[in-house]
Amino acid sequence: MSSKIDHSLFSAHEHALEHQSCPKCQGEQREGELQLRHGKHGPFLGCNQYPTCDFIKPLHQNDGHIVKELGVPCPECGNELVLRQGRYGMFIGCSHYPECHHIESLDQPKEEQKPESHSCPECSEGQLVERKTRFGKLFYACDNYPKCKFAVNLPPVSGSCEKCGYPLLVEKKLASGVKQQCADRKCHHIQQS
């Protein structure tokens, strides 16, 4: 039964249980020891003299380490693509990072659909493009960012507001059906679609 257990899974915990003196406390002539603590980003080693000493050492890292080799060539440099664990989740990247910066998202759509293009109502130079927050929520922003900071959370629709004349509407889903709403933050007039 012991052959089925992967002992490397427990190495971080065993490493944390070893008594290590705190390097910051040693320099300041204190008797601090590192102990296993848990935070919102996972386990870490912290000094037992906290809050006097704020030394921490992470146990696991989300630094883009390789999870799996995919065996597919990189379209930019020809080297192998790998699956990596990053700060915001899993992604596909080139194995020769940082020489090659090619990355792909895991949730790319199978068919590329060309969404309807809408010009930015604020700067009139850029186009509204679909973007995702780090939590996966969609929003629509001007591609001239950071010059233009226009953004809306609802999908843009062609047309203008019948109340204020603003050149962009957004699609709002209500219990009574889909309505069109003025994208101007001062107006927000809802009209029938």
C-alpha atoms as a PDB file:
ATOM      1  CA  MET A   1       0.000   0.000   0.000  1.00  0.00           C
ATOM      2  CA  SER A   2       2.861   2.377   0.683  1.00  0.00           C
ATOM      3  CA  SER A   3       3.953   2.108  -2.976  1.00  0.00           C
ATOM      4  CA  LYS A   4       0.744   3.883  -4.077  1.00  0.00           C
ATOM      5  CA  ILE A   5       1.495   6.955  -1.974  1.00  0.00           C
ATOM      6  CA  ASP A   6       3.437   9.710  -3.677  1.00  0.00           C
ATOM      7  CA  HIS A   7       5.683  11.043  -0.924  1.00  0.00           C
ATOM      8  CA  SER A   8       6.501  14.194  -2.894  1.00  0.00           C
ATOM      9  CA  LEU A   9       2.947  15.395  -2.163  1.00  0.00           C
ATOM     10  CA  PHE A  10       3.818  15.673   1.513  1.00  0.00           C
ATOM     11  CA  SER A  11       7.274  17.206   1.107  1.00  0.00           C
ATOM     12  CA  ALA A  12       6.081  20.812   1.497  1.00  0.00           C
ATOM     13  CA  HIS A  13       4.271  19.974   4.734  1.00  0.00           C
ATOM     14  CA  GLU A  14       7.240  18.030   6.131  1.00  0.00           C
ATOM     15  CA  HIS A  15       9.548  20.851   5.078  1.00  0.00           C
ATOM     16  CA  ALA A  16       7.351  23.287   6.993  1.00  0.00           C
ATOM     17  CA  LEU A  17       7.465  21.152  10.145  1.00  0.00           C
ATOM     18  CA  GLU A  18      11.260  21.313  10.279  1.00  0.00           C
ATOM     19  CA  HIS A  19      12.342  23.939  12.768  1.00  0.00           C
ATOM     20  CA  GLN A  20      13.991  26.760  10.896  1.00  0.00           C
ATOM     21  CA  SER A  21      15.100  29.991  12.440  1.00  0.00           C
ATOM     22  CA  CYS A  22      13.783  33.182  10.875  1.00  0.00           C
ATOM     23  CA  PRO A  23      16.489  34.903   8.764  1.00  0.00           C
ATOM     24  CA  LYS A  24      15.069  38.366   9.508  1.00  0.00           C
ATOM     25  CA  CYS A  25      15.021  37.755  13.276  1.00  0.00           C
ATOM     26  CA  GLN A  26      18.583  36.356  13.227  1.00  0.00           C
ATOM     27  CA  GLY A  27      19.835  39.639  11.775  1.00  0.00           C
ATOM     28  CA  GLU A  28      18.008  41.594  14.488  1.00  0.00           C
ATOM     29  CA  GLN A  29      19.125  39.296  17.378  1.00  0.00           C
ATOM     30  CA  ARG A  30      15.641  37.824  18.064  1.00  0.00           C
ATOM     31  CA  GLU A  31      14.564  34.212  18.633  1.00  0.00           C
ATOM     32  CA  GLY A  32      12.079  33.814  15.752  1.00  0.00           C
ATOM     33  CA  GLU A  33      11.212  30.477  14.143  1.00  0.00           C
ATOM     34  CA  LEU A  34       9.377  29.790  10.895  1.00  0.00           C
ATOM     35  CA  GLN A  35       6.073  27.927  11.211  1.00  0.00           C
ATOM     36  CA  LEU A  36       3.413  26.742   8.772  1.00  0.00           C
ATOM     37  CA  ARG A  37       0.599  29.246   8.265  1.00  0.00           C
ATOM     38  CA  HIS A  38      -2.333  29.395   5.858  1.00  0.00           C
ATOM     39  CA  GLY A  39      -3.470  32.460   3.927  1.00  0.00           C
ATOM     40  CA  LYS A  40      -5.856  33.244   1.098  1.00  0.00           C
ATOM     41  CA  HIS A  41      -3.144  32.378  -1.460  1.00  0.00           C
ATOM     42  CA  GLY A  42      -2.291  29.038   0.165  1.00  0.00           C
ATOM     43  CA  PRO A  43       0.189  27.764   2.740  1.00  0.00           C
ATOM     44  CA  PHE A  44       3.350  29.694   3.596  1.00  0.00           C
ATOM     45  CA  LEU A  45       6.068  29.813   6.220  1.00  0.00           C
ATOM     46  CA  GLY A  46       5.771  32.778   8.567  1.00  0.00           C
ATOM     47  CA  CYS A  47       7.732  33.938  11.588  1.00  0.00           C
ATOM     48  CA  ASN A  48       6.217  33.092  14.988  1.00  0.00           C
ATOM     49  CA  GLN A  49       7.209  36.587  16.207  1.00  0.00           C
ATOM     50  CA  TYR A  50       4.533  38.198  13.977  1.00  0.00           C
ATOM     51  CA  PRO A  51       3.566  41.148  14.083  1.00  0.00           C
ATOM     52  CA  THR A  52       7.027  42.194  15.351  1.00  0.00           C
ATOM     53  CA  CYS A  53       8.596  40.310  12.434  1.00  0.00           C
ATOM     54  CA  ASP A  54       6.747  40.130   9.101  1.00  0.00           C
ATOM     55  CA  PHE A  55       8.990  37.613   7.281  1.00  0.00           C
ATOM     56  CA  ILE A  56       7.130  35.143   5.012  1.00  0.00           C
ATOM     57  CA  LYS A  57       8.254  32.465   2.560  1.00  0.00           C
ATOM     58  CA  PRO A  58       5.736  30.930   0.099  1.00  0.00           C
ATOM     59  CA  LEU A  59       5.550  27.136  -0.134  1.00  0.00           C
ATOM     60  CA  HIS A  60       4.063  26.863  -3.629  1.00  0.00           C
ATOM     61  CA  GLN A  61       4.465  29.253  -6.501  1.00  0.00           C
ATOM     62  CA  ASN A  62       2.135  30.331  -9.306  1.00  0.00           C
ATOM     63  CA  ASP A  63       5.008  31.576 -11.419  1.00  0.00           C
ATOM     64  CA  GLY A  64       4.049  29.911 -14.690  1.00  0.00           C
ATOM     65  CA  HIS A  65       5.616  26.554 -13.913  1.00  0.00           C
ATOM     66  CA  ILE A  66       5.136  23.773 -16.451  1.00  0.00           C
ATOM     67  CA  VAL A  67       2.326  21.314 -15.719  1.00  0.00           C
ATOM     68  CA  LYS A  68       2.345  19.232 -18.934  1.00  0.00           C
ATOM     69  CA  GLU A  69       4.158  19.148 -22.282  1.00  0.00           C
ATOM     70  CA  LEU A  70       1.651  19.160 -25.151  1.00  0.00           C
ATOM     71  CA  GLY A  71       3.805  17.985 -28.075  1.00  0.00           C
ATOM     72  CA  VAL A  72       2.444  20.732 -30.352  1.00  0.00           C
ATOM     73  CA  PRO A  73       4.851  23.165 -32.062  1.00  0.00           C
ATOM     74  CA  CYS A  74       4.721  26.865 -31.193  1.00  0.00           C
ATOM     75  CA  PRO A  75       3.377  28.892 -34.164  1.00  0.00           C
ATOM     76  CA  GLU A  76       5.939  31.665 -33.536  1.00  0.00           C
ATOM     77  CA  CYS A  77       9.244  29.845 -32.925  1.00  0.00           C
ATOM     78  CA  GLY A  78       8.560  26.129 -33.611  1.00  0.00           C
ATOM     79  CA  ASN A  79       9.474  24.898 -30.106  1.00  0.00           C
ATOM     80  CA  GLU A  80       7.062  22.797 -28.052  1.00  0.00           C
ATOM     81  CA  LEU A  81       3.959  24.282 -26.396  1.00  0.00           C
ATOM     82  CA  VAL A  82       3.397  23.489 -22.706  1.00  0.00           C
ATOM     83  CA  LEU A  83       0.525  23.783 -20.246  1.00  0.00           C
ATOM     84  CA  ARG A  84       1.447  26.210 -17.456  1.00  0.00           C
ATOM     85  CA  GLN A  85      -0.045  27.197 -14.103  1.00  0.00           C
ATOM     86  CA  GLY A  86      -0.033  30.971 -13.752  1.00  0.00           C
ATOM     87  CA  ARG A  87      -1.312  33.597 -11.374  1.00  0.00           C
ATOM     88  CA  TYR A  88      -4.794  33.643 -12.947  1.00  0.00           C
ATOM     89  CA  GLY A  89      -5.077  29.944 -13.776  1.00  0.00           C
ATOM     90  CA  MET A  90      -3.946  27.530 -16.479  1.00  0.00           C
ATOM     91  CA  PHE A  91      -2.739  28.678 -19.896  1.00  0.00           C
ATOM     92  CA  ILE A  92      -0.779  27.366 -22.881  1.00  0.00           C
ATOM     93  CA  GLY A  93       2.623  28.932 -23.513  1.00  0.00           C
ATOM     94  CA  CYS A  94       5.869  28.334 -25.360  1.00  0.00           C
ATOM     95  CA  SER A  95       8.461  26.151 -23.611  1.00  0.00           C
ATOM     96  CA  HIS A  96      11.166  28.682 -24.541  1.00  0.00           C
ATOM     97  CA  TYR A  97       9.760  31.548 -22.460  1.00  0.00           C
ATOM     98  CA  PRO A  98      11.150  34.300 -22.023  1.00  0.00           C
ATOM     99  CA  GLU A  99      12.795  34.118 -25.481  1.00  0.00           C
ATOM    100  CA  CYS A 100       9.360  33.456 -27.061  1.00  0.00           C
ATOM    101  CA  HIS A 101       6.283  35.171 -25.591  1.00  0.00           C
ATOM    102  CA  HIS A 102       3.564  33.145 -27.387  1.00  0.00           C
ATOM    103  CA  ILE A 103       0.593  32.304 -25.127  1.00  0.00           C
ATOM    104  CA  GLU A 104      -2.904  30.928 -25.745  1.00  0.00           C
ATOM    105  CA  SER A 105      -5.962  30.776 -23.545  1.00  0.00           C
ATOM    106  CA  LEU A 106      -7.428  27.381 -22.691  1.00  0.00           C
ATOM    107  CA  ASP A 107     -11.007  28.476 -23.383  1.00  0.00           C
ATOM    108  CA  GLN A 108     -10.577  29.669 -26.977  1.00  0.00           C
ATOM    109  CA  PRO A 109     -13.745  29.222 -29.055  1.00  0.00           C
ATOM    110  CA  LYS A 110     -13.670  26.561 -31.764  1.00  0.00           C
ATOM    111  CA  GLU A 111     -15.078  28.885 -34.428  1.00  0.00           C
ATOM    112  CA  GLU A 112     -13.952  32.467 -34.541  1.00  0.00           C
ATOM    113  CA  GLN A 113     -17.098  34.552 -34.747  1.00  0.00           C
ATOM    114  CA  LYS A 114     -16.669  38.105 -35.947  1.00  0.00           C
ATOM    115  CA  PRO A 115     -18.739  40.236 -33.584  1.00  0.00           C
ATOM    116  CA  GLU A 116     -20.409  43.361 -34.902  1.00  0.00           C
ATOM    117  CA  SER A 117     -17.971  46.272 -34.755  1.00  0.00           C
ATOM    118  CA  HIS A 118     -18.963  49.379 -32.807  1.00  0.00           C
ATOM    119  CA  SER A 119     -16.964  52.597 -32.766  1.00  0.00           C
ATOM    120  CA  CYS A 120     -16.184  54.109 -29.376  1.00  0.00           C
ATOM    121  CA  PRO A 121     -18.679  56.883 -28.505  1.00  0.00           C
ATOM    122  CA  GLU A 122     -16.128  58.710 -26.310  1.00  0.00           C
ATOM    123  CA  CYS A 123     -13.049  59.085 -28.546  1.00  0.00           C
ATOM    124  CA  SER A 124     -14.624  58.166 -31.947  1.00  0.00           C
ATOM    125  CA  GLU A 125     -11.242  56.689 -32.992  1.00  0.00           C
ATOM    126  CA  GLY A 126     -11.242  53.242 -31.381  1.00  0.00           C
ATOM    127  CA  GLN A 127     -13.490  50.212 -31.680  1.00  0.00           C
ATOM    128  CA  LEU A 128     -15.249  48.437 -28.814  1.00  0.00           C
ATOM    129  CA  VAL A 129     -13.695  45.024 -28.191  1.00  0.00           C
ATOM    130  CA  GLU A 130     -14.764  42.184 -25.902  1.00  0.00           C
ATOM    131  CA  ARG A 131     -12.502  41.663 -22.899  1.00  0.00           C
ATOM    132  CA  LYS A 132     -12.518  39.519 -19.759  1.00  0.00           C
ATOM    133  CA  THR A 133     -11.799  40.484 -16.185  1.00  0.00           C
ATOM    134  CA  ARG A 134      -9.410  38.303 -14.235  1.00  0.00           C
ATOM    135  CA  PHE A 135     -12.504  36.591 -12.774  1.00  0.00           C
ATOM    136  CA  GLY A 136     -13.858  35.690 -16.253  1.00  0.00           C
ATOM    137  CA  LYS A 137     -16.635  38.293 -16.501  1.00  0.00           C
ATOM    138  CA  LEU A 138     -17.090  39.863 -19.958  1.00  0.00           C
ATOM    139  CA  PHE A 139     -17.010  43.601 -20.609  1.00  0.00           C
ATOM    140  CA  TYR A 140     -16.607  45.785 -23.687  1.00  0.00           C
ATOM    141  CA  ALA A 141     -13.915  48.471 -23.838  1.00  0.00           C
ATOM    142  CA  CYS A 142     -12.290  50.829 -26.315  1.00  0.00           C
ATOM    143  CA  ASP A 143      -9.211  49.365 -28.012  1.00  0.00           C
ATOM    144  CA  ASN A 144      -7.536  52.776 -27.607  1.00  0.00           C
ATOM    145  CA  TYR A 145      -6.951  52.055 -23.903  1.00  0.00           C
ATOM    146  CA  PRO A 146      -5.190  53.696 -21.975  1.00  0.00           C
ATOM    147  CA  LYS A 147      -5.856  56.878 -23.999  1.00  0.00           C
ATOM    148  CA  CYS A 148      -9.612  56.206 -23.873  1.00  0.00           C
ATOM    149  CA  LYS A 149     -11.069  54.509 -20.800  1.00  0.00           C
ATOM    150  CA  PHE A 150     -14.621  53.928 -22.102  1.00  0.00           C
ATOM    151  CA  ALA A 151     -16.086  50.567 -21.035  1.00  0.00           C
ATOM    152  CA  VAL A 152     -19.539  48.993 -20.623  1.00  0.00           C
ATOM    153  CA  ASN A 153     -20.518  45.736 -18.913  1.00  0.00           C
ATOM    154  CA  LEU A 154     -23.418  44.879 -21.254  1.00  0.00           C
ATOM    155  CA  PRO A 155     -23.115  43.921 -24.961  1.00  0.00           C
ATOM    156  CA  PRO A 156     -23.163  46.994 -27.249  1.00  0.00           C
ATOM    157  CA  VAL A 157     -25.913  47.368 -29.869  1.00  0.00           C
ATOM    158  CA  SER A 158     -26.047  49.708 -32.870  1.00  0.00           C
ATOM    159  CA  GLY A 159     -28.410  52.627 -32.523  1.00  0.00           C
ATOM    160  CA  SER A 160     -28.765  55.868 -30.654  1.00  0.00           C
ATOM    161  CA  CYS A 161     -30.735  56.863 -27.574  1.00  0.00           C
ATOM    162  CA  GLU A 162     -34.145  58.339 -28.406  1.00  0.00           C
ATOM    163  CA  LYS A 163     -34.020  60.514 -25.276  1.00  0.00           C
ATOM    164  CA  CYS A 164     -30.509  62.045 -25.257  1.00  0.00           C
ATOM    165  CA  GLY A 165     -29.134  61.036 -28.695  1.00  0.00           C
ATOM    166  CA  TYR A 166     -26.083  59.152 -27.325  1.00  0.00           C
ATOM    167  CA  PRO A 167     -24.628  57.094 -30.236  1.00  0.00           C
ATOM    168  CA  LEU A 168     -24.487  53.715 -28.457  1.00  0.00           C
ATOM    169  CA  LEU A 169     -26.996  51.376 -26.828  1.00  0.00           C
ATOM    170  CA  VAL A 170     -26.419  48.258 -24.736  1.00  0.00           C
ATOM    171  CA  GLU A 171     -28.503  45.083 -24.598  1.00  0.00           C
ATOM    172  CA  LYS A 172     -30.141  44.652 -21.185  1.00  0.00           C
ATOM    173  CA  LYS A 173     -31.944  41.418 -20.278  1.00  0.00           C
ATOM    174  CA  LEU A 174     -34.927  41.985 -18.004  1.00  0.00           C
ATOM    175  CA  ALA A 175     -37.727  39.725 -16.788  1.00  0.00           C
ATOM    176  CA  SER A 176     -39.986  41.412 -19.351  1.00  0.00           C
ATOM    177  CA  GLY A 177     -37.580  40.557 -22.191  1.00  0.00           C
ATOM    178  CA  VAL A 178     -34.520  42.009 -23.901  1.00  0.00           C
ATOM    179  CA  LYS A 179     -34.461  45.817 -23.930  1.00  0.00           C
ATOM    180  CA  GLN A 180     -32.028  48.375 -25.255  1.00  0.00           C
ATOM    181  CA  GLN A 181     -30.544  50.840 -22.794  1.00  0.00           C
ATOM    182  CA  CYS A 182     -28.590  54.044 -23.380  1.00  0.00           C
ATOM    183  CA  ALA A 183     -24.867  53.479 -22.727  1.00  0.00           C
ATOM    184  CA  ASP A 184     -24.451  57.012 -21.336  1.00  0.00           C
ATOM    185  CA  ARG A 185     -23.982  56.829 -17.562  1.00  0.00           C
ATOM    186  CA  LYS A 186     -25.995  60.015 -17.065  1.00  0.00           C
ATOM    187  CA  CYS A 187     -29.037  58.831 -19.058  1.00  0.00           C
ATOM    188  CA  HIS A 188     -29.594  55.019 -18.874  1.00  0.00           C
ATOM    189  CA  HIS A 189     -32.918  55.421 -20.733  1.00  0.00           C
ATOM    190  CA  ILE A 190     -34.504  52.023 -21.539  1.00  0.00           C
ATOM    191  CA  GLN A 191     -36.237  51.715 -24.901  1.00  0.00           C
ATOM    192  CA  GLN A 192     -37.976  48.874 -26.715  1.00  0.00           C
ATOM    193  CA  SER A 193     -35.786  46.764 -29.039  1.00  0.00           C
END
